[in-house]
Amino acid sequence: MSAYAIYRLPHEDHATLIRQTEGEPMELHSLTELNGKQGFVVAPFELKANQPVLLIQGEAEIVLLEEGGMRNEDRDMIGVNHQYKESLQQKYSRSSFLVPPSSYYKVDFANYHSQLENDTFRKIVLARCADEKLNGGVEPMELFYRACAMYPRLFIALVETEKSGCWLTATPEILLDGKGNDWRTIALAGTMKLEGDQLNGEGETLTWSTKNIQEQRIVATYITECLEQFTGDFREEGPKTVRAANLVHLRSDFTFKLNDNNHIGDILNTLHPTPAVCGLPKREAFQFIVKNEHTPRRYYSGFMGTLSATETHLYVSLRCMNIDGDTCHLYAGGGLLKDSTEEQEWLETEAKMETMRRLLYV
């Protein structure tokens, strides 16, 4: 199977296809190995021998989009083969719906929350996975085009390699973005769902809870401490309310200068995983998550995107699913603080999974 990645940056009218037709993607076993490299990066939450950082390398091809979909004349050019049969007109009956928290989630939440009550962590992120059936089958590439049409503000990417499998993401969270010496990252945390008339706006009428404000400030403080290790020339703006699909988040923007772009891997090694997907203290929270979370995250809450010395666009792999035959494994998580409740956190993960579910039932 040839490896490929196709992605669309926010608000762009075209996608970019990178297809590796010879050999397998480069496998890296530390983020620092990305120093001086270029290609499309697919990084997991936890690096392991059988779960490496993958670097897809090949010529980039521009694919024009019309109203979010692919032009008919470009379909043959893509030529990416899958075991799935295309059924574009198929209407799907939804296989899951809003249900009470599962027994696994109840166990995990109680375990995680007890650590917060004991002051072991200031924050920790609990993730889960839910399965959706592709009744009748559908091409992953078609799901990519649907995501482009539905979510013009988000970074959309579809990647497939033998090592990772097939993943689709529609994420609002920049991990690292830069061109020349000008770079940026964001602190994104806090989640509220837009409903009713709120869907006509940008969430400007919403009032944020203390829990959401504290969660976002934890992430922003962490980003500041990371950047101070590499540059003294940076600026923070925010937080402000930003919309992503039917959700809104609190976001602070960080812009900074780098005199040397050959050490991006070092910066990524410091930033990833951020408290937005892990927790604080970072090392202890990370170790607790990989030991105790019922569902291994694999490439969910890792990051992906393009990397080069001249221009880089890397995004945290949120709102994503692993397409496995006729089953889609949907992933979502939420940041827990002391005052978090099981029901609220479960509903937040349901709202986040809706970003991917909507693609299956158009």
Protein backbone atom coordinates (compact mmCIF):
# COMPACT_ATOMS: atom_id res chain seq x y z
CA MET A 1 0.00 0.00 0.00
CA SER A 2 1.41 3.39 -0.94
CA ALA A 3 1.36 6.01 1.81
CA TYR A 4 -0.31 9.35 1.25
CA ALA A 5 -1.56 12.45 3.02
CA ILE A 6 -4.05 14.98 1.71
CA TYR A 7 -4.75 18.13 3.70
CA ARG A 8 -6.52 21.46 3.48
CA LEU A 9 -5.48 24.46 5.55
CA PRO A 10 -8.22 26.59 7.13
CA HIS A 11 -10.12 28.77 4.63
CA GLU A 12 -8.11 27.51 1.64
CA ASP A 13 -9.84 26.74 -1.69
CA HIS A 14 -7.53 23.83 -2.48
CA ALA A 15 -6.10 20.72 -0.89
CA THR A 16 -2.56 19.39 -1.16
CA LEU A 17 -1.82 15.73 -1.84
CA ILE A 18 1.52 14.17 -0.86
CA ARG A 19 1.87 10.65 -2.16
CA GLN A 20 4.84 8.41 -1.37
CA THR A 21 4.97 5.91 -4.20
CA GLU A 22 8.36 4.38 -3.41
CA GLY A 23 9.33 2.77 -0.13
CA GLU A 24 7.69 3.32 3.24
CA PRO A 25 7.45 6.54 5.26
CA MET A 26 10.47 7.32 7.37
CA GLU A 27 10.05 6.04 10.95
CA LEU A 28 11.38 8.21 13.78
CA HIS A 29 11.43 7.27 17.44
CA SER A 30 11.90 10.69 19.01
CA LEU A 31 10.58 14.12 18.12
CA THR A 32 14.08 15.58 18.17
CA GLU A 33 14.81 13.44 15.10
CA LEU A 34 12.56 15.84 13.19
CA ASN A 35 15.32 18.47 13.34
CA GLY A 36 16.30 19.33 9.77
CA LYS A 37 13.66 17.00 8.25
CA GLN A 38 10.84 17.82 5.87
CA GLY A 39 7.68 16.04 4.77
CA PHE A 40 4.20 15.32 6.15
CA VAL A 41 4.45 14.36 9.82
CA VAL A 42 2.10 11.90 11.53
CA ALA A 43 2.95 11.73 15.23
CA PRO A 44 1.22 9.64 17.95
CA PHE A 45 0.30 10.69 21.46
CA GLU A 46 2.75 8.14 22.84
CA LEU A 47 5.84 7.15 20.86
CA LYS A 48 6.48 3.40 20.92
CA ALA A 49 8.43 0.93 18.79
CA ASN A 50 5.28 -0.08 16.91
CA GLN A 51 3.87 3.45 16.99
CA PRO A 52 6.58 5.76 15.63
CA VAL A 53 6.53 9.24 14.20
CA LEU A 54 5.97 8.82 10.46
CA LEU A 55 7.32 11.15 7.82
CA ILE A 56 5.59 10.88 4.42
CA GLN A 57 7.77 12.25 1.64
CA GLY A 58 6.83 12.83 -1.97
CA GLU A 59 5.90 15.43 -4.53
CA ALA A 60 3.07 17.78 -3.56
CA GLU A 61 0.08 18.01 -5.91
CA ILE A 62 -2.54 20.75 -5.69
CA VAL A 63 -6.17 19.59 -5.76
CA LEU A 64 -8.68 22.39 -6.38
CA LEU A 65 -11.88 22.34 -4.36
CA GLU A 66 -15.26 23.62 -5.46
CA GLU A 67 -17.58 24.47 -2.57
CA GLY A 68 -15.47 22.19 -0.39
CA GLY A 69 -15.61 19.19 -2.76
CA MET A 70 -13.19 17.93 -5.36
CA ARG A 71 -13.55 18.85 -9.00
CA ASN A 72 -14.65 15.92 -11.15
CA GLU A 73 -11.63 16.31 -13.43
CA ASP A 74 -9.32 15.82 -10.44
CA ARG A 75 -10.84 12.54 -9.22
CA ASP A 76 -8.84 10.35 -11.59
CA MET A 77 -5.66 12.29 -10.83
CA ILE A 78 -5.86 11.36 -7.14
CA GLY A 79 -5.90 7.64 -7.91
CA VAL A 80 -5.71 6.52 -4.28
CA ASN A 81 -6.98 2.95 -4.04
CA HIS A 82 -8.87 1.58 -1.05
CA GLN A 83 -10.66 -1.61 -0.15
CA TYR A 84 -13.87 0.42 0.29
CA LYS A 85 -16.52 0.75 -2.42
CA GLU A 86 -17.80 4.22 -3.17
CA SER A 87 -21.44 4.83 -2.40
CA LEU A 88 -21.87 8.58 -2.47
CA GLN A 89 -25.67 8.57 -2.44
CA GLN A 90 -25.95 6.10 0.45
CA LYS A 91 -27.90 7.38 3.43
CA TYR A 92 -26.76 5.98 6.72
CA SER A 93 -28.87 5.02 9.70
CA ARG A 94 -27.09 6.24 12.76
CA SER A 95 -25.65 3.39 14.80
CA SER A 96 -25.09 5.31 18.00
CA PHE A 97 -26.70 8.16 19.86
CA LEU A 98 -26.34 10.09 23.06
CA VAL A 99 -26.11 7.45 25.77
CA PRO A 100 -25.21 7.50 29.47
CA PRO A 101 -21.50 7.18 30.29
CA SER A 102 -20.16 3.68 29.72
CA SER A 103 -18.88 1.57 32.58
CA TYR A 104 -15.31 2.02 31.31
CA TYR A 105 -15.71 5.80 31.30
CA LYS A 106 -17.19 5.74 34.81
CA VAL A 107 -14.20 3.78 36.09
CA ASP A 108 -11.70 6.05 34.32
CA PHE A 109 -13.40 9.24 35.47
CA ALA A 110 -13.47 8.11 39.11
CA ASN A 111 -9.81 7.10 38.89
CA TYR A 112 -8.70 10.36 37.26
CA HIS A 113 -10.83 12.60 39.46
CA SER A 114 -9.51 11.03 42.66
CA GLN A 115 -6.00 12.06 41.56
CA LEU A 116 -7.19 15.65 41.17
CA GLU A 117 -8.84 15.62 44.59
CA ASN A 118 -5.56 14.38 46.07
CA ASP A 119 -3.68 17.22 44.32
CA THR A 120 -1.58 14.77 42.29
CA PHE A 121 -2.46 16.74 39.16
CA ARG A 122 -3.64 20.28 38.49
CA LYS A 123 -5.33 19.07 35.31
CA ILE A 124 -5.57 15.77 33.44
CA VAL A 125 -7.24 14.88 30.15
CA LEU A 126 -9.49 11.82 29.91
CA ALA A 127 -10.14 10.46 26.41
CA ARG A 128 -12.39 7.74 25.06
CA CYS A 129 -13.30 6.02 21.81
CA ALA A 130 -16.65 5.15 20.20
CA ASP A 131 -17.33 3.09 17.07
CA GLU A 132 -19.56 3.97 14.13
CA LYS A 133 -20.38 1.59 11.28
CA LEU A 134 -20.05 2.62 7.64
CA ASN A 135 -23.21 0.86 6.49
CA GLY A 136 -22.74 0.17 2.77
CA GLY A 137 -19.18 1.48 2.77
CA VAL A 138 -17.82 4.86 1.71
CA GLU A 139 -14.46 6.05 0.43
CA PRO A 140 -12.30 7.76 3.07
CA MET A 141 -11.52 10.36 0.40
CA GLU A 142 -15.21 11.24 0.20
CA LEU A 143 -15.26 11.79 3.96
CA PHE A 144 -12.32 14.15 3.50
CA TYR A 145 -14.25 16.21 0.93
CA ARG A 146 -17.30 16.31 3.19
CA ALA A 147 -15.12 17.59 6.04
CA CYS A 148 -13.68 20.30 3.80
CA ALA A 149 -17.21 21.41 2.88
CA MET A 150 -18.60 21.31 6.44
CA TYR A 151 -15.63 22.80 8.29
CA PRO A 152 -13.97 25.63 6.34
CA ARG A 153 -12.32 27.02 9.50
CA LEU A 154 -10.56 23.79 10.49
CA PHE A 155 -7.43 21.99 9.36
CA ILE A 156 -8.60 18.88 7.50
CA ALA A 157 -6.27 15.96 6.84
CA LEU A 158 -6.58 12.37 5.69
CA VAL A 159 -3.54 10.12 6.00
CA GLU A 160 -2.97 6.45 5.35
CA THR A 161 0.13 4.36 5.91
CA GLU A 162 0.63 0.69 6.58
CA LYS A 163 2.00 1.46 10.05
CA SER A 164 -0.66 3.90 11.24
CA GLY A 165 -3.73 2.84 9.29
CA CYS A 166 -6.15 5.45 7.93
CA TRP A 167 -6.92 8.61 9.96
CA LEU A 168 -9.13 11.62 9.27
CA THR A 169 -8.96 14.77 11.40
CA ALA A 170 -10.79 18.10 11.45
CA THR A 171 -8.95 20.07 14.09
CA PRO A 172 -8.89 23.70 15.26
CA GLU A 173 -5.67 23.48 17.27
CA ILE A 174 -2.36 24.73 15.90
CA LEU A 175 0.64 23.09 17.51
CA LEU A 176 3.30 24.95 15.53
CA ASP A 177 2.94 27.12 12.44
CA GLY A 178 5.68 29.13 10.80
CA LYS A 179 7.15 30.71 7.71
CA GLY A 180 10.67 32.02 7.66
CA ASN A 181 11.48 33.41 11.10
CA ASP A 182 7.85 34.14 12.02
CA TRP A 183 6.10 31.45 14.08
CA ARG A 184 2.95 30.97 16.08
CA THR A 185 1.21 28.51 18.36
CA ILE A 186 -1.99 28.68 20.41
CA ALA A 187 -3.33 27.72 23.80
CA LEU A 188 -6.76 26.20 23.16
CA ALA A 189 -8.89 24.89 26.00
CA GLY A 190 -12.37 25.15 27.43
CA THR A 191 -15.38 23.89 25.47
CA MET A 192 -19.00 24.93 25.13
CA LYS A 193 -21.60 23.73 22.64
CA LEU A 194 -23.59 26.17 20.51
CA GLU A 195 -27.32 25.53 20.35
CA GLY A 196 -30.38 27.19 18.85
CA ASP A 197 -29.88 30.84 17.89
CA GLN A 198 -26.29 30.68 19.13
CA LEU A 199 -25.42 28.78 15.94
CA ASN A 200 -25.94 32.02 14.00
CA GLY A 201 -23.06 33.71 15.80
CA GLU A 202 -19.53 33.18 17.03
CA GLY A 203 -20.39 32.45 20.66
CA GLU A 204 -20.03 36.08 21.63
CA THR A 205 -23.04 35.93 23.98
CA LEU A 206 -21.75 32.97 26.01
CA THR A 207 -20.41 33.31 29.53
CA TRP A 208 -17.46 31.10 30.40
CA SER A 209 -17.37 29.13 33.64
CA THR A 210 -14.51 29.44 36.11
CA LYS A 211 -13.54 25.84 35.30
CA ASN A 212 -13.12 26.61 31.57
CA ILE A 213 -11.20 29.83 32.25
CA GLN A 214 -8.83 28.04 34.65
CA GLU A 215 -8.28 25.20 32.18
CA GLN A 216 -7.33 27.61 29.39
CA ARG A 217 -4.99 29.59 31.67
CA ILE A 218 -3.15 26.39 32.63
CA VAL A 219 -2.45 25.66 28.96
CA ALA A 220 -1.41 29.26 28.19
CA THR A 221 1.02 29.35 31.11
CA TYR A 222 2.57 26.08 29.95
CA ILE A 223 3.03 27.42 26.38
CA THR A 224 4.73 30.53 27.79
CA GLU A 225 7.17 28.42 29.80
CA CYS A 226 7.98 26.30 26.74
CA LEU A 227 8.64 29.27 24.45
CA GLU A 228 10.90 30.93 27.00
CA GLN A 229 13.34 28.07 26.47
CA PHE A 230 13.79 28.97 22.79
CA THR A 231 13.14 32.69 22.36
CA GLY A 232 12.69 35.89 24.30
CA ASP A 233 10.86 37.49 21.40
CA PHE A 234 7.26 36.36 21.75
CA ARG A 235 3.85 37.90 22.40
CA GLU A 236 0.58 36.52 23.78
CA GLU A 237 -2.84 37.81 22.75
CA GLY A 238 -6.12 36.66 24.28
CA PRO A 239 -7.88 34.67 25.46
CA LYS A 240 -10.82 35.09 23.12
CA THR A 241 -13.79 32.94 22.14
CA VAL A 242 -13.35 31.09 18.85
CA ARG A 243 -15.76 28.82 17.03
CA ALA A 244 -14.93 25.34 15.71
CA ALA A 245 -17.90 23.63 14.02
CA ASN A 246 -20.73 23.67 16.61
CA LEU A 247 -18.37 24.21 19.53
CA VAL A 248 -16.55 27.23 20.91
CA HIS A 249 -13.26 27.33 22.79
CA LEU A 250 -11.07 29.83 24.59
CA ARG A 251 -7.89 30.60 22.66
CA SER A 252 -4.74 32.61 23.28
CA ASP A 253 -2.43 33.28 20.33
CA PHE A 254 1.35 33.27 20.69
CA THR A 255 3.58 34.79 18.00
CA PHE A 256 7.35 34.54 18.20
CA LYS A 257 10.61 34.81 16.27
CA LEU A 258 13.17 32.08 15.67
CA ASN A 259 16.64 32.79 14.34
CA ASP A 260 17.35 29.12 13.60
CA ASN A 261 14.74 26.83 12.03
CA ASN A 262 16.90 23.70 12.22
CA HIS A 263 15.73 22.78 15.70
CA ILE A 264 11.97 22.53 15.22
CA GLY A 265 12.10 18.97 16.54
CA ASP A 266 13.45 20.28 19.85
CA ILE A 267 10.57 22.74 20.16
CA LEU A 268 8.03 20.01 19.30
CA ASN A 269 9.61 17.73 21.90
CA THR A 270 9.05 20.45 24.50
CA LEU A 271 5.51 21.39 23.46
CA HIS A 272 4.03 17.94 22.83
CA PRO A 273 1.87 16.77 24.44
CA THR A 274 0.45 20.08 25.64
CA PRO A 275 -1.79 20.25 28.73
CA ALA A 276 -4.71 20.61 26.29
CA VAL A 277 -4.41 16.87 25.55
CA CYS A 278 -2.40 15.65 28.55
CA GLY A 279 -2.26 17.49 31.87
CA LEU A 280 0.02 19.03 34.47
CA PRO A 281 2.52 18.16 35.79
CA LYS A 282 3.11 16.99 32.24
CA ARG A 283 5.40 13.99 32.76
CA GLU A 284 3.38 12.53 35.62
CA ALA A 285 0.04 13.12 33.84
CA PHE A 286 1.35 11.51 30.65
CA GLN A 287 2.55 8.41 32.48
CA PHE A 288 -0.75 8.11 34.32
CA ILE A 289 -2.76 8.39 31.08
CA VAL A 290 -0.84 5.73 29.15
CA LYS A 291 -1.04 3.37 32.12
CA ASN A 292 -4.68 3.88 33.10
CA GLU A 293 -6.77 5.01 30.11
CA HIS A 294 -8.93 2.11 28.88
CA THR A 295 -8.61 2.96 25.18
CA PRO A 296 -5.09 3.50 23.79
CA ARG A 297 -5.05 6.81 21.93
CA ARG A 298 -2.64 5.73 19.18
CA TYR A 299 -2.43 8.71 16.78
CA TYR A 300 -5.31 10.61 18.38
CA SER A 301 -4.05 13.68 20.30
CA GLY A 302 -0.71 13.38 18.55
CA PHE A 303 -0.13 15.86 15.74
CA MET A 304 0.16 15.99 11.96
CA GLY A 305 0.94 18.37 9.15
CA THR A 306 3.74 19.63 6.93
CA LEU A 307 7.26 20.35 8.13
CA SER A 308 10.08 22.12 6.33
CA ALA A 309 12.78 24.71 6.96
CA THR A 310 10.82 27.35 5.04
CA GLU A 311 7.17 26.69 5.96
CA THR A 312 5.53 24.50 8.60
CA HIS A 313 1.88 23.78 9.46
CA LEU A 314 1.44 21.31 12.32
CA TYR A 315 -1.88 20.71 14.08
CA VAL A 316 -2.90 18.65 17.12
CA SER A 317 -4.87 15.58 15.95
CA LEU A 318 -8.23 16.31 17.56
CA ARG A 319 -11.78 15.59 16.32
CA CYS A 320 -10.42 12.59 14.49
CA MET A 321 -11.30 9.04 13.57
CA ASN A 322 -9.45 5.93 12.54
CA ILE A 323 -11.14 4.35 9.49
CA ASP A 324 -10.78 0.59 9.85
CA GLY A 325 -12.62 -1.32 7.11
CA ASP A 326 -16.33 -0.66 7.64
CA THR A 327 -15.80 0.72 11.15
CA CYS A 328 -14.81 4.22 12.21
CA HIS A 329 -13.18 4.59 15.63
CA LEU A 330 -14.04 8.10 16.86
CA TYR A 331 -11.89 9.71 19.56
CA ALA A 332 -12.51 12.62 21.91
CA GLY A 333 -11.30 13.81 25.28
CA GLY A 334 -11.85 16.48 27.89
CA GLY A 335 -9.73 18.26 30.46
CA LEU A 336 -10.60 17.39 34.05
CA LEU A 337 -10.17 19.77 36.98
CA LYS A 338 -11.20 19.34 40.60
CA ASP A 339 -14.70 20.69 40.00
CA SER A 340 -15.35 18.56 36.89
CA THR A 341 -18.39 16.28 36.92
CA GLU A 342 -18.75 12.98 35.10
CA GLU A 343 -21.92 13.94 33.26
CA GLN A 344 -20.55 17.28 32.02
CA GLU A 345 -17.33 15.71 30.78
CA TRP A 346 -19.17 12.88 29.03
CA LEU A 347 -21.44 15.37 27.25
CA GLU A 348 -18.37 17.34 26.17
CA THR A 349 -16.85 14.26 24.53
CA GLU A 350 -20.19 13.54 22.82
CA ALA A 351 -20.25 17.07 21.44
CA LYS A 352 -16.69 16.73 20.15
CA MET A 353 -17.41 13.36 18.50
CA GLU A 354 -20.30 14.96 16.67
CA THR A 355 -17.77 16.73 14.45
CA MET A 356 -16.82 13.38 12.90
CA ARG A 357 -20.25 11.71 13.17
CA ARG A 358 -21.83 14.41 11.04
CA LEU A 359 -19.62 13.35 8.13
CA LEU A 360 -21.13 9.86 8.17
CA TYR A 361 -24.79 10.82 8.02
CA VAL A 362 -25.12 13.57 5.43
